[in-house]
Protein backbone atom coordinates (compact mmCIF):
# COMPACT_ATOMS: atom_id res chain seq x y z
CA MET A 1 38.08 4.46 -3.69
CA ASN A 2 41.08 6.11 -2.04
CA SER A 3 41.19 9.83 -2.88
CA ASN A 4 44.92 9.53 -3.62
CA THR A 5 44.22 7.19 -6.54
CA LYS A 6 41.53 9.35 -8.13
CA THR A 7 41.92 11.55 -11.20
CA HIS A 8 41.35 15.19 -10.26
CA ILE A 9 38.94 17.12 -12.53
CA ASN A 10 38.43 20.89 -12.26
CA VAL A 11 35.14 22.25 -13.57
CA TRP A 12 33.66 25.72 -13.82
CA ALA A 13 29.89 25.53 -13.26
CA ALA A 14 28.32 28.26 -15.40
CA PHE A 15 25.12 28.93 -13.51
CA ALA A 16 22.99 31.84 -14.63
CA ASP A 17 20.04 31.97 -12.27
CA ARG A 18 21.79 33.65 -9.30
CA ASP A 19 20.73 30.65 -7.24
CA THR A 20 23.75 29.85 -5.11
CA ALA A 21 21.70 27.15 -3.37
CA ALA A 22 21.36 25.32 -6.73
CA LEU A 23 25.12 25.49 -7.24
CA GLN A 24 25.63 24.05 -3.76
CA ARG A 25 23.11 21.26 -4.43
CA MET A 26 24.95 20.33 -7.61
CA SER A 27 28.30 20.31 -5.80
CA ASP A 28 26.82 18.10 -3.08
CA ALA A 29 25.39 15.76 -5.74
CA PHE A 30 28.80 15.46 -7.39
CA GLU A 31 30.37 14.57 -4.05
CA ARG A 32 27.81 11.81 -3.52
CA GLU A 33 27.75 10.47 -7.07
CA PHE A 34 31.52 10.38 -7.53
CA SER A 35 32.42 9.08 -4.06
CA ARG A 36 33.12 5.64 -5.55
CA SER A 37 34.27 6.87 -8.91
CA GLN A 38 37.81 7.13 -10.23
CA TYR A 39 37.27 10.90 -10.55
CA ASP A 40 37.45 13.63 -7.93
CA ILE A 41 35.46 16.66 -9.15
CA CYS A 42 36.27 20.15 -7.86
CA VAL A 43 33.81 22.94 -8.71
CA LEU A 44 36.10 25.96 -8.90
CA ASN A 45 33.43 28.60 -8.28
CA GLU A 46 31.52 26.68 -5.60
CA SER A 47 32.49 29.05 -2.75
CA TRP A 48 32.07 32.30 -4.65
CA GLY A 49 28.54 32.97 -3.43
CA ASP A 50 26.40 35.26 -5.59
CA PHE A 51 28.90 36.19 -8.31
CA SER A 52 26.45 37.34 -11.01
CA HIS A 53 27.44 40.98 -10.42
CA LEU A 54 31.02 40.08 -11.39
CA LEU A 55 30.10 39.13 -14.92
CA ARG A 56 29.42 42.54 -16.41
CA ASN A 57 31.23 45.05 -14.19
CA ALA A 58 34.80 45.94 -13.23
CA SER A 59 37.74 44.64 -15.21
CA ASP A 60 39.41 43.30 -12.05
CA ASP A 61 36.37 41.11 -11.43
CA THR A 62 36.41 39.95 -15.04
CA ASP A 63 40.08 39.02 -14.63
CA ARG A 64 39.20 36.99 -11.55
CA ILE A 65 36.66 34.97 -13.53
CA THR A 66 39.03 34.50 -16.44
CA GLU A 67 41.95 33.39 -14.30
CA THR A 68 39.80 30.95 -12.34
CA MET A 69 38.15 29.53 -15.45
CA ARG A 70 41.58 29.10 -17.02
CA LYS A 71 42.26 26.34 -14.45
CA ALA A 72 39.13 24.39 -15.45
CA ASP A 73 39.36 21.14 -17.38
CA TYR A 74 35.71 21.57 -18.44
CA VAL A 75 33.03 24.24 -18.29
CA LEU A 76 29.57 22.98 -17.34
CA ALA A 77 26.84 25.07 -18.96
CA CYS A 78 24.08 24.55 -16.39
CA LEU A 79 20.72 25.16 -18.05
CA THR A 80 18.05 25.76 -15.44
CA PRO A 81 14.34 26.43 -16.03
CA ASP A 82 14.56 30.12 -15.00
CA LEU A 83 18.03 31.18 -16.01
CA ILE A 84 19.22 34.74 -16.66
CA GLU A 85 20.71 34.24 -20.09
CA GLU A 86 22.98 37.29 -20.24
CA ASP A 87 24.99 35.92 -17.30
CA LEU A 88 25.37 32.50 -18.93
CA VAL A 89 26.29 34.02 -22.31
CA ALA A 90 29.04 36.09 -20.65
CA GLN A 91 30.59 32.98 -19.11
CA LEU A 92 30.27 30.85 -22.25
CA ARG A 93 31.91 33.50 -24.43
CA ARG A 94 34.79 33.60 -21.98
CA ALA A 95 34.99 29.80 -22.07
CA HIS A 96 35.15 29.88 -25.89
CA ALA A 97 37.90 32.52 -25.77
CA LEU A 98 39.92 30.27 -23.45
CA GLY A 99 39.34 27.23 -25.66
CA LYS A 100 37.55 25.28 -22.93
CA GLU A 101 35.48 22.21 -23.67
CA ILE A 102 31.85 22.90 -22.75
CA ILE A 103 29.48 20.28 -21.37
CA VAL A 104 25.77 21.09 -21.34
CA PHE A 105 24.20 20.07 -18.04
CA TYR A 106 20.42 20.26 -17.66
CA TYR A 107 19.74 21.06 -14.02
CA GLY A 108 16.13 20.98 -12.84
CA ARG A 109 12.97 20.99 -14.92
CA LYS A 110 9.45 22.32 -15.11
CA CYS A 111 6.38 20.18 -15.63
CA ASP A 112 2.82 20.88 -16.66
CA ALA A 113 -0.24 20.06 -14.56
CA GLN A 114 -0.11 16.43 -15.74
CA GLY A 115 3.53 16.04 -14.70
CA LYS A 116 4.90 16.08 -18.26
CA ALA A 117 8.25 17.85 -18.62
CA LEU A 118 7.97 21.11 -20.53
CA SER A 119 10.31 21.81 -23.44
CA PRO A 120 13.13 24.20 -22.40
CA ARG A 121 13.40 27.23 -24.68
CA PHE A 122 16.55 29.27 -24.99
CA SER A 123 17.68 32.16 -27.17
CA ALA A 124 19.60 31.90 -30.45
CA ASP A 125 22.71 33.22 -28.63
CA ILE A 126 22.67 30.29 -26.21
CA PHE A 127 21.84 27.88 -29.02
CA LEU A 128 24.85 28.95 -31.11
CA LEU A 129 27.29 29.07 -28.18
CA LEU A 130 26.40 25.50 -27.26
CA GLN A 131 26.71 23.97 -30.73
CA GLY A 132 29.26 21.19 -30.67
CA ALA A 133 29.20 20.93 -26.86
CA ARG A 134 28.85 17.54 -25.22
CA GLN A 135 25.42 17.10 -23.67
CA VAL A 136 24.57 15.56 -20.30
CA ALA A 137 20.83 15.89 -20.55
CA LEU A 138 19.43 14.01 -17.61
CA TRP A 139 17.68 14.63 -14.34
CA GLY A 140 19.18 11.88 -12.22
CA SER A 141 22.72 10.56 -11.82
CA PRO A 142 25.38 12.35 -13.91
CA THR A 143 28.05 9.78 -13.16
CA GLN A 144 27.90 7.50 -16.22
CA GLU A 145 27.74 10.16 -18.93
CA LEU A 146 30.27 12.48 -17.31
CA GLU A 147 32.72 9.63 -16.71
CA ALA A 148 32.41 8.70 -20.39
CA ILE A 149 33.33 12.26 -21.35
CA PHE A 150 36.23 12.44 -18.88
CA SER A 151 37.63 9.13 -20.13
CA ARG A 152 37.04 10.08 -23.78
CA LYS A 153 34.83 7.05 -24.26
CA THR A 154 31.51 7.07 -26.05
CA PRO A 155 28.62 6.11 -23.76
CA VAL A 156 26.42 3.27 -24.94
CA LEU A 157 23.14 4.84 -26.01
CA PRO A 158 20.00 3.30 -27.52
CA GLU A 159 20.34 2.93 -31.27
CA LYS A 160 18.27 5.45 -33.24
CA ASN A 161 17.41 5.86 -36.87
CA ARG A 162 19.80 8.18 -38.62
CA THR A 163 18.32 11.56 -39.46
CA THR A 164 19.24 12.70 -42.98
CA VAL A 165 17.05 15.79 -43.53
CA PHE A 166 16.47 18.49 -40.92
CA LEU A 167 13.33 20.59 -41.40
CA SER A 168 13.81 24.10 -39.99
CA HIS A 169 10.64 26.15 -39.55
CA ASN A 170 8.79 28.56 -37.31
CA HIS A 171 5.82 27.02 -35.49
CA ARG A 172 3.53 29.30 -37.54
CA ASP A 173 4.71 27.43 -40.66
CA TYR A 174 4.07 23.95 -39.31
CA GLU A 175 1.53 23.08 -42.05
CA LEU A 176 4.04 23.90 -44.78
CA ALA A 177 6.82 22.03 -42.98
CA LYS A 178 4.54 19.00 -42.55
CA ARG A 179 3.86 18.98 -46.31
CA VAL A 180 7.61 18.92 -46.91
CA TYR A 181 8.06 16.20 -44.27
CA ASP A 182 5.41 14.00 -45.90
CA GLN A 183 7.01 14.53 -49.32
CA VAL A 184 10.53 13.74 -48.07
CA THR A 185 9.57 10.64 -46.11
CA GLY A 186 7.30 9.55 -48.96
CA PHE A 187 10.25 8.99 -51.28
CA GLY A 188 12.22 7.10 -48.64
CA SER A 189 14.43 9.66 -46.94
CA GLU A 190 14.48 10.07 -43.18
CA ALA A 191 13.57 13.49 -41.80
CA PHE A 192 13.46 15.38 -38.53
CA LEU A 193 10.41 17.59 -37.92
CA SER A 194 10.28 18.61 -34.27
CA GLU A 195 6.51 18.31 -33.79
CA VAL A 196 6.55 14.79 -35.25
CA SER A 197 10.01 13.47 -34.33
CA LEU A 198 10.40 14.56 -30.71
CA PRO A 199 7.36 12.64 -29.42
CA GLN A 200 8.56 9.55 -31.31
CA LEU A 201 11.97 9.74 -29.61
CA GLY A 202 10.33 9.58 -26.20
CA SER A 203 12.76 12.04 -24.65
CA CYS A 204 12.00 15.27 -22.80
CA ASP A 205 15.53 16.54 -23.43
CA TYR A 206 14.40 18.50 -26.46
CA MET A 207 17.45 20.66 -26.92
CA LYS A 208 19.72 17.62 -26.90
CA GLU A 209 17.58 15.82 -29.49
CA ILE A 210 17.44 18.88 -31.78
CA ASP A 211 21.20 19.35 -31.45
CA THR A 212 21.74 15.67 -32.31
CA ALA A 213 19.41 15.90 -35.33
CA LEU A 214 21.30 18.95 -36.63
CA GLU A 215 24.62 17.20 -36.13
CA GLU A 216 23.49 14.09 -38.01
CA ALA A 217 21.56 15.81 -40.80
CA GLN A 218 23.02 15.53 -44.28
CA HIS A 219 20.61 18.10 -45.74
CA MET A 220 18.47 20.95 -44.44
CA VAL A 221 15.14 22.25 -45.72
CA VAL A 222 14.00 25.68 -44.52
CA ALA A 223 10.21 26.04 -44.83
CA GLY A 224 8.67 29.50 -44.59
CA THR A 225 5.74 31.69 -45.61
CA SER A 226 7.25 35.02 -44.52
CA VAL A 227 10.69 36.53 -44.06
CA GLU A 228 9.79 37.22 -40.41
CA ASN A 229 9.28 33.50 -39.78
CA ILE A 230 12.48 32.55 -41.57
CA MET A 231 14.43 35.16 -39.60
CA SER A 232 12.89 34.24 -36.23
CA GLY A 233 15.47 33.39 -33.57
CA TRP A 234 15.66 29.60 -33.56
CA VAL A 235 15.06 29.19 -37.29
CA GLU A 236 17.80 31.66 -38.23
CA ALA A 237 20.19 30.04 -35.75
CA GLU A 238 19.58 26.61 -37.32
CA TRP A 239 20.08 27.56 -40.97
CA ARG A 240 23.06 29.82 -40.27
CA LEU A 241 24.70 26.99 -38.34
CA PHE A 242 24.12 24.57 -41.22
CA ILE A 243 25.53 27.06 -43.75
CA ASN A 244 28.62 27.59 -41.57
CA GLU A 245 29.09 23.81 -41.42
CA LYS A 246 28.92 23.65 -45.23
CA ARG A 247 31.40 26.48 -45.65
CA SER A 248 33.83 24.80 -43.27
CA GLY A 249 33.55 21.52 -45.18
CA ARG A 250 32.08 19.60 -42.24
CA LYS A 251 28.82 19.16 -44.17
CA THR A 252 28.54 18.57 -47.91
CA GLY A 253 24.77 18.21 -48.32
CA ASN A 254 22.25 20.68 -49.69
CA ILE A 255 20.26 23.46 -48.06
CA ILE A 256 16.93 24.15 -49.77
CA THR A 257 14.38 26.83 -48.98
CA VAL A 258 10.76 25.92 -49.65
CA MET A 259 8.58 29.04 -49.62
CA ASP A 260 4.86 29.67 -50.00
CA GLY A 261 2.23 32.21 -49.05
CA GLY A 262 3.40 34.95 -51.39
CA LEU A 263 6.97 35.09 -50.09
CA THR A 264 9.29 36.11 -52.94
CA HIS A 265 12.83 35.11 -53.80
CA GLY A 266 14.09 38.67 -53.34
CA GLU A 267 12.78 38.84 -49.77
CA LEU A 268 14.90 35.91 -48.63
CA PRO A 269 18.15 36.57 -46.76
CA MET A 270 21.11 36.64 -49.16
CA SER A 271 22.66 33.57 -47.53
CA LEU A 272 19.59 31.48 -48.43
CA ARG A 273 19.18 32.98 -51.93
CA TYR A 274 22.66 31.65 -52.71
CA TYR A 275 21.34 28.09 -52.38
CA GLU A 276 18.37 26.31 -53.95
CA VAL A 277 14.90 27.85 -53.55
CA ILE A 278 11.58 26.17 -54.40
CA ASP A 279 8.59 28.52 -54.72
CA LEU A 280 5.40 26.53 -54.30
CA GLY A 281 3.49 29.38 -55.90
CA THR A 282 4.98 28.42 -59.27
CA GLU A 283 6.72 25.07 -58.76
CA SER A 284 5.92 21.56 -57.57
CA LEU A 285 7.27 20.16 -54.34
CA ASP A 286 8.23 17.02 -56.31
CA ARG A 287 11.33 18.93 -57.42
CA ILE A 288 12.85 18.59 -53.96
CA GLU A 289 13.68 14.90 -54.37
CA LYS A 290 16.67 15.39 -56.65
CA TYR A 291 18.40 17.61 -54.07
CA LEU A 292 18.04 15.09 -51.23
CA SER A 293 19.28 11.91 -52.87
């Protein structure tokens, strides 16, 4: 396609692993993938070299980042297997301040000895900054999904069962969460429990699937046996996000805490005490059904 007829797209690629070679590889991939596309992609920070030192130092350098990012149509949050999160957080906060649309781009992956992709794990800060962002979670060609975002069209994806209940829990409370999952699915509701649901989805893009499940969930159940587990990074990020969605009116369902193991009502964070709590030390789990109808 003639370059004069293409739509020009400026992107800021928020890399956080100080790997300028990876940034160059991505830029080269965009040039190849979009050579026949209607879009011409320009990576604004492609020629900056190692710019990680700019992110936390002099104000002049900060202004340079801000002014360059201001020109971007989109900010790509490039999640790599060995990223330095503080660098990525600094860029994403600036992108939020500028009102930029963020696209999550999974770049590279790690596999176990059998060749199975390992689940990427990121901090609660990254998790919260990326809520609501569009996700391009793939390892091959980015063309189709990115073009769909640029053109404001919805890509055609395989149809999935709608998730109605999201089960938030620390991995140490899996047995309790599984009891809740069995109870919820037993009376006909659909539920998302990561250890059960992710393998069924057949996708190694775990963060994307969790984000989708949170977005689609009508209700949330927080399962915990200790305040430490309930306040652990990912669990706290999930239930605080759901509460914020309720307060904004974007969600109208219930949030229920199911606790066991001697955890008391008074130990729970105030934000969870405000909503329904089921103590399995004194109550039956059957009670949960009326809150999830």
